[in-house]
Amino acid sequence: MTDYSKLLEEGRIKSGRFSKKQVEDCLAIAKRDVSTARSVLETSPEWAFNIAYNAMQQAGRAFMFSKGYRTDGEAHHATVVQFLEIALGREYEDALAVMDRMRRKRNRATYDTVGTISDKEAKEAVSIAEEFVEKVVSLLKSS
């Protein structure tokens, strides 16, 4: 069994019962967002980056729901990343490190500075999100 006790003690996550539909809805959003991110790459790299990040967040939420947890308290986005680091382990370490960097950069690009996301960076973000969402879908199908 995976140990989420620290996140529970800190009030970062809460256990609960989540329906298969809730999981499927999050995955549907993640898939939609990957497609949308890909479609706006040429016209808006920053927006494509944000949407790609959201796809990863939604896939992460789907995974959390499937394990009987949701975020609680503050810093929901960071909590999803931390939960996934515990749940998925070293095999997903690189993808989750990218997701966390995307989280921080998305925040700056959304609220602080225009032009912080390059075309190359946006394309990489969309590819990484697409791969991550596919992996989460596969994990959830096999469990």
C-alpha atoms as a PDB file:
ATOM      1  CA  MET A   1       0.000   0.000   0.000  1.00  0.00           C
ATOM      2  CA  THR A   2       1.229   3.463  -0.846  1.00  0.00           C
ATOM      3  CA  ASP A   3       1.785   5.822   2.072  1.00  0.00           C
ATOM      4  CA  TYR A   4      -0.041   9.124   1.727  1.00  0.00           C
ATOM      5  CA  SER A   5      -0.023   9.729   5.503  1.00  0.00           C
ATOM      6  CA  LYS A   6       2.053  12.924   5.353  1.00  0.00           C
ATOM      7  CA  LEU A   7      -0.287  14.513   2.791  1.00  0.00           C
ATOM      8  CA  LEU A   8      -3.267  13.440   4.911  1.00  0.00           C
ATOM      9  CA  GLU A   9      -1.724  14.824   8.136  1.00  0.00           C
ATOM     10  CA  GLU A  10      -0.933  18.132   6.427  1.00  0.00           C
ATOM     11  CA  GLY A  11      -4.533  18.404   5.232  1.00  0.00           C
ATOM     12  CA  ARG A  12      -3.396  18.397   1.594  1.00  0.00           C
ATOM     13  CA  ILE A  13      -5.573  15.437   0.573  1.00  0.00           C
ATOM     14  CA  LYS A  14      -8.798  13.858   1.743  1.00  0.00           C
ATOM     15  CA  SER A  15     -10.048  10.353   1.217  1.00  0.00           C
ATOM     16  CA  GLY A  16     -13.430   9.791  -0.339  1.00  0.00           C
ATOM     17  CA  ARG A  17     -15.474   7.704  -2.710  1.00  0.00           C
ATOM     18  CA  PHE A  18     -15.302   8.692  -6.336  1.00  0.00           C
ATOM     19  CA  SER A  19     -17.336   7.193  -9.111  1.00  0.00           C
ATOM     20  CA  LYS A  20     -15.992   5.675 -12.276  1.00  0.00           C
ATOM     21  CA  LYS A  21     -17.759   8.526 -14.089  1.00  0.00           C
ATOM     22  CA  GLN A  22     -15.754  11.142 -12.159  1.00  0.00           C
ATOM     23  CA  VAL A  23     -12.535   9.409 -13.192  1.00  0.00           C
ATOM     24  CA  GLU A  24     -13.710   9.100 -16.793  1.00  0.00           C
ATOM     25  CA  ASP A  25     -14.801  12.750 -16.896  1.00  0.00           C
ATOM     26  CA  CYS A  26     -11.354  13.926 -15.775  1.00  0.00           C
ATOM     27  CA  LEU A  27      -9.736  11.719 -18.398  1.00  0.00           C
ATOM     28  CA  ALA A  28     -12.100  13.085 -21.052  1.00  0.00           C
ATOM     29  CA  ILE A  29     -11.080  16.622 -20.100  1.00  0.00           C
ATOM     30  CA  ALA A  30      -7.403  15.628 -20.229  1.00  0.00           C
ATOM     31  CA  LYS A  31      -7.786  14.127 -23.707  1.00  0.00           C
ATOM     32  CA  ARG A  32      -9.770  17.132 -24.914  1.00  0.00           C
ATOM     33  CA  ASP A  33      -7.124  19.491 -23.561  1.00  0.00           C
ATOM     34  CA  VAL A  34      -4.279  17.649 -25.295  1.00  0.00           C
ATOM     35  CA  SER A  35      -6.161  17.945 -28.574  1.00  0.00           C
ATOM     36  CA  THR A  36      -6.948  21.623 -27.980  1.00  0.00           C
ATOM     37  CA  ALA A  37      -3.356  22.397 -26.993  1.00  0.00           C
ATOM     38  CA  ARG A  38      -2.113  20.804 -30.189  1.00  0.00           C
ATOM     39  CA  SER A  39      -4.598  22.835 -32.251  1.00  0.00           C
ATOM     40  CA  VAL A  40      -3.469  26.224 -30.854  1.00  0.00           C
ATOM     41  CA  LEU A  41       0.293  25.588 -30.912  1.00  0.00           C
ATOM     42  CA  GLU A  42       0.915  27.748 -33.972  1.00  0.00           C
ATOM     43  CA  THR A  43      -1.222  30.685 -32.903  1.00  0.00           C
ATOM     44  CA  SER A  44      -0.626  30.793 -29.154  1.00  0.00           C
ATOM     45  CA  PRO A  45       2.316  28.885 -27.670  1.00  0.00           C
ATOM     46  CA  GLU A  46       1.617  30.217 -24.173  1.00  0.00           C
ATOM     47  CA  TRP A  47      -1.990  29.097 -24.286  1.00  0.00           C
ATOM     48  CA  ALA A  48      -0.987  25.702 -25.726  1.00  0.00           C
ATOM     49  CA  PHE A  49       1.470  25.317 -22.830  1.00  0.00           C
ATOM     50  CA  ASN A  50      -1.234  26.176 -20.275  1.00  0.00           C
ATOM     51  CA  ILE A  51      -3.728  23.789 -21.817  1.00  0.00           C
ATOM     52  CA  ALA A  52      -1.119  20.998 -21.987  1.00  0.00           C
ATOM     53  CA  TYR A  53      -0.384  21.512 -18.308  1.00  0.00           C
ATOM     54  CA  ASN A  54      -4.110  21.382 -17.535  1.00  0.00           C
ATOM     55  CA  ALA A  55      -4.338  18.059 -19.375  1.00  0.00           C
ATOM     56  CA  MET A  56      -1.678  16.651 -17.064  1.00  0.00           C
ATOM     57  CA  GLN A  57      -3.473  18.043 -14.005  1.00  0.00           C
ATOM     58  CA  GLN A  58      -6.753  16.466 -15.069  1.00  0.00           C
ATOM     59  CA  ALA A  59      -5.093  13.102 -15.696  1.00  0.00           C
ATOM     60  CA  GLY A  60      -3.510  13.402 -12.246  1.00  0.00           C
ATOM     61  CA  ARG A  61      -6.867  14.176 -10.657  1.00  0.00           C
ATOM     62  CA  ALA A  62      -8.382  11.147 -12.416  1.00  0.00           C
ATOM     63  CA  PHE A  63      -5.618   8.999 -10.960  1.00  0.00           C
ATOM     64  CA  MET A  64      -6.172  10.432  -7.473  1.00  0.00           C
ATOM     65  CA  PHE A  65      -9.916   9.796  -7.697  1.00  0.00           C
ATOM     66  CA  SER A  66      -9.268   6.226  -8.784  1.00  0.00           C
ATOM     67  CA  LYS A  67      -7.233   5.718  -5.604  1.00  0.00           C
ATOM     68  CA  GLY A  68      -9.916   7.309  -3.407  1.00  0.00           C
ATOM     69  CA  TYR A  69      -8.366  10.735  -2.799  1.00  0.00           C
ATOM     70  CA  ARG A  70      -8.799  14.369  -3.759  1.00  0.00           C
ATOM     71  CA  THR A  71      -6.851  17.498  -2.957  1.00  0.00           C
ATOM     72  CA  ASP A  72      -7.847  19.639   0.006  1.00  0.00           C
ATOM     73  CA  GLY A  73      -6.623  22.899   1.468  1.00  0.00           C
ATOM     74  CA  GLU A  74      -4.291  25.154  -0.470  1.00  0.00           C
ATOM     75  CA  ALA A  75      -1.923  24.511  -3.358  1.00  0.00           C
ATOM     76  CA  HIS A  76      -4.102  21.968  -5.150  1.00  0.00           C
ATOM     77  CA  HIS A  77      -1.885  21.829  -8.226  1.00  0.00           C
ATOM     78  CA  ALA A  78       1.292  21.186  -6.245  1.00  0.00           C
ATOM     79  CA  THR A  79      -0.538  18.560  -4.187  1.00  0.00           C
ATOM     80  CA  VAL A  80      -1.536  16.629  -7.314  1.00  0.00           C
ATOM     81  CA  VAL A  81       2.136  16.492  -8.326  1.00  0.00           C
ATOM     82  CA  GLN A  82       3.213  15.358  -4.845  1.00  0.00           C
ATOM     83  CA  PHE A  83       0.506  12.699  -4.715  1.00  0.00           C
ATOM     84  CA  LEU A  84       1.573  11.370  -8.115  1.00  0.00           C
ATOM     85  CA  GLU A  85       5.228  11.300  -7.050  1.00  0.00           C
ATOM     86  CA  ILE A  86       4.276   9.022  -4.162  1.00  0.00           C
ATOM     87  CA  ALA A  87       1.798   6.917  -6.119  1.00  0.00           C
ATOM     88  CA  LEU A  88       3.729   6.452  -9.355  1.00  0.00           C
ATOM     89  CA  GLY A  89       7.281   6.323  -8.058  1.00  0.00           C
ATOM     90  CA  ARG A  90      10.598   6.543  -9.828  1.00  0.00           C
ATOM     91  CA  GLU A  91       9.355   5.357 -13.215  1.00  0.00           C
ATOM     92  CA  TYR A  92       7.435   8.634 -13.584  1.00  0.00           C
ATOM     93  CA  GLU A  93       9.993  10.854 -11.860  1.00  0.00           C
ATOM     94  CA  ASP A  94      11.089  12.676 -15.044  1.00  0.00           C
ATOM     95  CA  ALA A  95       7.552  13.330 -16.308  1.00  0.00           C
ATOM     96  CA  LEU A  96       6.465  14.606 -12.892  1.00  0.00           C
ATOM     97  CA  ALA A  97       9.506  16.881 -12.614  1.00  0.00           C
ATOM     98  CA  VAL A  98       8.521  18.374 -15.981  1.00  0.00           C
ATOM     99  CA  MET A  99       4.920  18.692 -14.797  1.00  0.00           C
ATOM    100  CA  ASP A 100       6.043  20.560 -11.691  1.00  0.00           C
ATOM    101  CA  ARG A 101       8.225  22.923 -13.755  1.00  0.00           C
ATOM    102  CA  MET A 102       5.273  23.472 -16.086  1.00  0.00           C
ATOM    103  CA  ARG A 103       3.103  24.251 -13.064  1.00  0.00           C
ATOM    104  CA  ARG A 104       5.439  26.985 -11.885  1.00  0.00           C
ATOM    105  CA  LYS A 105       6.068  28.414 -15.338  1.00  0.00           C
ATOM    106  CA  ARG A 106       2.360  28.331 -16.230  1.00  0.00           C
ATOM    107  CA  ASN A 107       1.666  30.429 -13.179  1.00  0.00           C
ATOM    108  CA  ARG A 108       4.186  33.081 -14.264  1.00  0.00           C
ATOM    109  CA  ALA A 109       3.025  32.998 -17.891  1.00  0.00           C
ATOM    110  CA  THR A 110      -0.622  33.334 -16.878  1.00  0.00           C
ATOM    111  CA  TYR A 111      -0.311  36.041 -14.256  1.00  0.00           C
ATOM    112  CA  ASP A 112       2.990  37.863 -14.597  1.00  0.00           C
ATOM    113  CA  THR A 113       4.847  37.964 -17.905  1.00  0.00           C
ATOM    114  CA  VAL A 114       3.995  37.822 -21.590  1.00  0.00           C
ATOM    115  CA  GLY A 115       6.315  35.910 -23.906  1.00  0.00           C
ATOM    116  CA  THR A 116       7.767  33.488 -21.357  1.00  0.00           C
ATOM    117  CA  ILE A 117       6.918  30.365 -23.393  1.00  0.00           C
ATOM    118  CA  SER A 118       8.811  29.692 -26.616  1.00  0.00           C
ATOM    119  CA  ASP A 119       7.363  27.797 -29.577  1.00  0.00           C
ATOM    120  CA  LYS A 120       9.784  24.940 -28.876  1.00  0.00           C
ATOM    121  CA  GLU A 121       8.851  24.806 -25.198  1.00  0.00           C
ATOM    122  CA  ALA A 122       5.135  24.764 -26.032  1.00  0.00           C
ATOM    123  CA  LYS A 123       5.599  21.907 -28.526  1.00  0.00           C
ATOM    124  CA  GLU A 124       7.552  19.904 -25.953  1.00  0.00           C
ATOM    125  CA  ALA A 125       4.887  20.572 -23.313  1.00  0.00           C
ATOM    126  CA  VAL A 126       2.130  19.320 -25.604  1.00  0.00           C
ATOM    127  CA  SER A 127       4.104  16.166 -26.454  1.00  0.00           C
ATOM    128  CA  ILE A 128       4.882  15.466 -22.805  1.00  0.00           C
ATOM    129  CA  ALA A 129       1.241  16.031 -21.822  1.00  0.00           C
ATOM    130  CA  GLU A 130       0.032  13.729 -24.572  1.00  0.00           C
ATOM    131  CA  GLU A 131       2.393  10.964 -23.466  1.00  0.00           C
ATOM    132  CA  PHE A 132       1.539  11.434 -19.789  1.00  0.00           C
ATOM    133  CA  VAL A 133      -2.215  11.341 -20.377  1.00  0.00           C
ATOM    134  CA  GLU A 134      -1.836   8.165 -22.456  1.00  0.00           C
ATOM    135  CA  LYS A 135       0.194   6.548 -19.652  1.00  0.00           C
ATOM    136  CA  VAL A 136      -2.381   7.443 -17.020  1.00  0.00           C
ATOM    137  CA  VAL A 137      -5.186   6.105 -19.215  1.00  0.00           C
ATOM    138  CA  SER A 138      -3.256   2.837 -19.594  1.00  0.00           C
ATOM    139  CA  LEU A 139      -2.581   2.615 -15.870  1.00  0.00           C
ATOM    140  CA  LEU A 140      -6.222   3.113 -15.043  1.00  0.00           C
ATOM    141  CA  LYS A 141      -7.376   0.561 -17.616  1.00  0.00           C
ATOM    142  CA  SER A 142      -5.056  -2.058 -16.148  1.00  0.00           C
ATOM    143  CA  SER A 143      -6.078  -1.459 -12.530  1.00  0.00           C
END
